[in-house]
Amino acid sequence: MTYQQLPSMYQSFENTMAKKKVDFVIVRLRVQPKSEIRELTNQINVAIDPSLRKALWKNYEIKSVSQNSKDESYVLLIQDLTE
């Protein structure tokens, strides 16, 4: 689903992340995760809707990666507490 199909849902997601209403976010990747943080960040950006990127990267940081199979993995992002 895209922002154009469900704008209110995406606005709710963005608002939740912008206000840090959740402690963590999990992103599913349908590719093998890269080990370099910059490449992994690019993979996450491809996997999520562009409307969510600003709030995600402003308030959350990558904590860990779990790989289920060759082409499916999950990335755990936790609240950035440095602010």
C-alpha atoms as a PDB file:
ATOM      1  CA  MET A   1       0.000   0.000   0.000  1.00  0.00           C
ATOM      2  CA  THR A   2       1.208   3.487  -0.750  1.00  0.00           C
ATOM      3  CA  TYR A   3       0.624   6.895   0.753  1.00  0.00           C
ATOM      4  CA  GLN A   4      -1.735   7.727  -2.127  1.00  0.00           C
ATOM      5  CA  GLN A   5      -3.892   4.683  -1.347  1.00  0.00           C
ATOM      6  CA  LEU A   6      -4.111   5.235   2.416  1.00  0.00           C
ATOM      7  CA  PRO A   7      -2.947   8.763   3.295  1.00  0.00           C
ATOM      8  CA  SER A   8      -4.569   8.858   6.736  1.00  0.00           C
ATOM      9  CA  MET A   9      -2.823   5.649   7.767  1.00  0.00           C
ATOM     10  CA  TYR A  10       0.573   6.974   6.668  1.00  0.00           C
ATOM     11  CA  GLN A  11      -0.051  10.316   8.367  1.00  0.00           C
ATOM     12  CA  SER A  12      -0.842   8.413  11.558  1.00  0.00           C
ATOM     13  CA  PHE A  13       2.382   6.376  11.253  1.00  0.00           C
ATOM     14  CA  GLU A  14       4.426   9.525  10.652  1.00  0.00           C
ATOM     15  CA  ASN A  15       2.803  11.314  13.590  1.00  0.00           C
ATOM     16  CA  THR A  16       3.451   8.346  15.874  1.00  0.00           C
ATOM     17  CA  MET A  17       7.141   8.242  14.934  1.00  0.00           C
ATOM     18  CA  ALA A  18       7.568  12.019  14.992  1.00  0.00           C
ATOM     19  CA  LYS A  19       6.241  12.210  18.548  1.00  0.00           C
ATOM     20  CA  LYS A  20       8.136   9.078  19.640  1.00  0.00           C
ATOM     21  CA  LYS A  21       4.925   7.389  20.764  1.00  0.00           C
ATOM     22  CA  VAL A  22       6.502   3.967  20.184  1.00  0.00           C
ATOM     23  CA  ASP A  23       9.803   2.719  21.580  1.00  0.00           C
ATOM     24  CA  PHE A  24      10.836   0.842  18.468  1.00  0.00           C
ATOM     25  CA  VAL A  25      10.078   0.278  14.790  1.00  0.00           C
ATOM     26  CA  ILE A  26      10.610  -2.935  12.815  1.00  0.00           C
ATOM     27  CA  VAL A  27      11.172  -2.762   9.062  1.00  0.00           C
ATOM     28  CA  ARG A  28      10.951  -5.847   6.861  1.00  0.00           C
ATOM     29  CA  LEU A  29      13.456  -6.132   4.052  1.00  0.00           C
ATOM     30  CA  ARG A  30      12.848  -8.490   1.148  1.00  0.00           C
ATOM     31  CA  VAL A  31      16.553  -8.651   0.351  1.00  0.00           C
ATOM     32  CA  GLN A  32      19.653  -9.836   2.120  1.00  0.00           C
ATOM     33  CA  PRO A  33      20.674  -7.045   4.524  1.00  0.00           C
ATOM     34  CA  LYS A  34      23.913  -5.212   3.873  1.00  0.00           C
ATOM     35  CA  SER A  35      26.499  -5.165   6.628  1.00  0.00           C
ATOM     36  CA  GLU A  36      27.602  -1.573   6.065  1.00  0.00           C
ATOM     37  CA  ILE A  37      25.307   0.886   7.867  1.00  0.00           C
ATOM     38  CA  ARG A  38      25.056   3.276   4.911  1.00  0.00           C
ATOM     39  CA  GLU A  39      23.976   0.513   2.549  1.00  0.00           C
ATOM     40  CA  LEU A  40      21.549  -0.885   5.127  1.00  0.00           C
ATOM     41  CA  THR A  41      20.064   2.601   5.536  1.00  0.00           C
ATOM     42  CA  ASN A  42      19.498   2.744   1.776  1.00  0.00           C
ATOM     43  CA  GLN A  43      17.778  -0.642   1.869  1.00  0.00           C
ATOM     44  CA  ILE A  44      15.462   0.578   4.632  1.00  0.00           C
ATOM     45  CA  ASN A  45      14.639   3.718   2.626  1.00  0.00           C
ATOM     46  CA  VAL A  46      13.649   1.558  -0.336  1.00  0.00           C
ATOM     47  CA  ALA A  47      11.467  -0.644   1.891  1.00  0.00           C
ATOM     48  CA  ILE A  48       9.428   2.135   3.517  1.00  0.00           C
ATOM     49  CA  ASP A  49       7.160   4.794   2.089  1.00  0.00           C
ATOM     50  CA  PRO A  50       8.951   8.111   1.452  1.00  0.00           C
ATOM     51  CA  SER A  51       6.435   9.924   3.675  1.00  0.00           C
ATOM     52  CA  LEU A  52       7.827   8.075   6.720  1.00  0.00           C
ATOM     53  CA  ARG A  53      11.555   8.559   6.189  1.00  0.00           C
ATOM     54  CA  LYS A  54      12.041  11.951   7.839  1.00  0.00           C
ATOM     55  CA  ALA A  55      10.354  10.973  11.123  1.00  0.00           C
ATOM     56  CA  LEU A  56      12.034   7.575  11.171  1.00  0.00           C
ATOM     57  CA  TRP A  57      15.592   8.854  10.750  1.00  0.00           C
ATOM     58  CA  LYS A  58      15.077  11.865  13.004  1.00  0.00           C
ATOM     59  CA  ASN A  59      13.889   9.806  15.957  1.00  0.00           C
ATOM     60  CA  TYR A  60      15.122   6.225  15.559  1.00  0.00           C
ATOM     61  CA  GLU A  61      18.431   4.459  15.042  1.00  0.00           C
ATOM     62  CA  ILE A  62      19.307   0.978  13.842  1.00  0.00           C
ATOM     63  CA  LYS A  63      19.804  -1.447  16.706  1.00  0.00           C
ATOM     64  CA  SER A  64      19.934  -4.909  15.133  1.00  0.00           C
ATOM     65  CA  VAL A  65      19.151  -7.045  12.107  1.00  0.00           C
ATOM     66  CA  SER A  66      17.563 -10.492  12.057  1.00  0.00           C
ATOM     67  CA  GLN A  67      17.546 -12.616   8.941  1.00  0.00           C
ATOM     68  CA  ASN A  68      14.851 -15.270   8.495  1.00  0.00           C
ATOM     69  CA  SER A  69      15.833 -16.505   5.068  1.00  0.00           C
ATOM     70  CA  LYS A  70      17.999 -15.558   2.123  1.00  0.00           C
ATOM     71  CA  ASP A  71      15.546 -12.898   0.970  1.00  0.00           C
ATOM     72  CA  GLU A  72      13.718 -11.824   4.121  1.00  0.00           C
ATOM     73  CA  SER A  73      15.089  -9.969   7.109  1.00  0.00           C
ATOM     74  CA  TYR A  74      13.961  -7.514   9.768  1.00  0.00           C
ATOM     75  CA  VAL A  75      15.658  -4.400  11.082  1.00  0.00           C
ATOM     76  CA  LEU A  76      14.986  -3.159  14.601  1.00  0.00           C
ATOM     77  CA  LEU A  77      15.199   0.597  15.072  1.00  0.00           C
ATOM     78  CA  ILE A  78      14.954   2.038  18.579  1.00  0.00           C
ATOM     79  CA  GLN A  79      14.308   5.556  19.808  1.00  0.00           C
ATOM     80  CA  ASP A  80      17.285   7.836  19.483  1.00  0.00           C
ATOM     81  CA  LEU A  81      17.840   8.965  23.064  1.00  0.00           C
ATOM     82  CA  THR A  82      20.675  11.385  22.292  1.00  0.00           C
ATOM     83  CA  GLU A  83      18.352  14.372  21.945  1.00  0.00           C
END
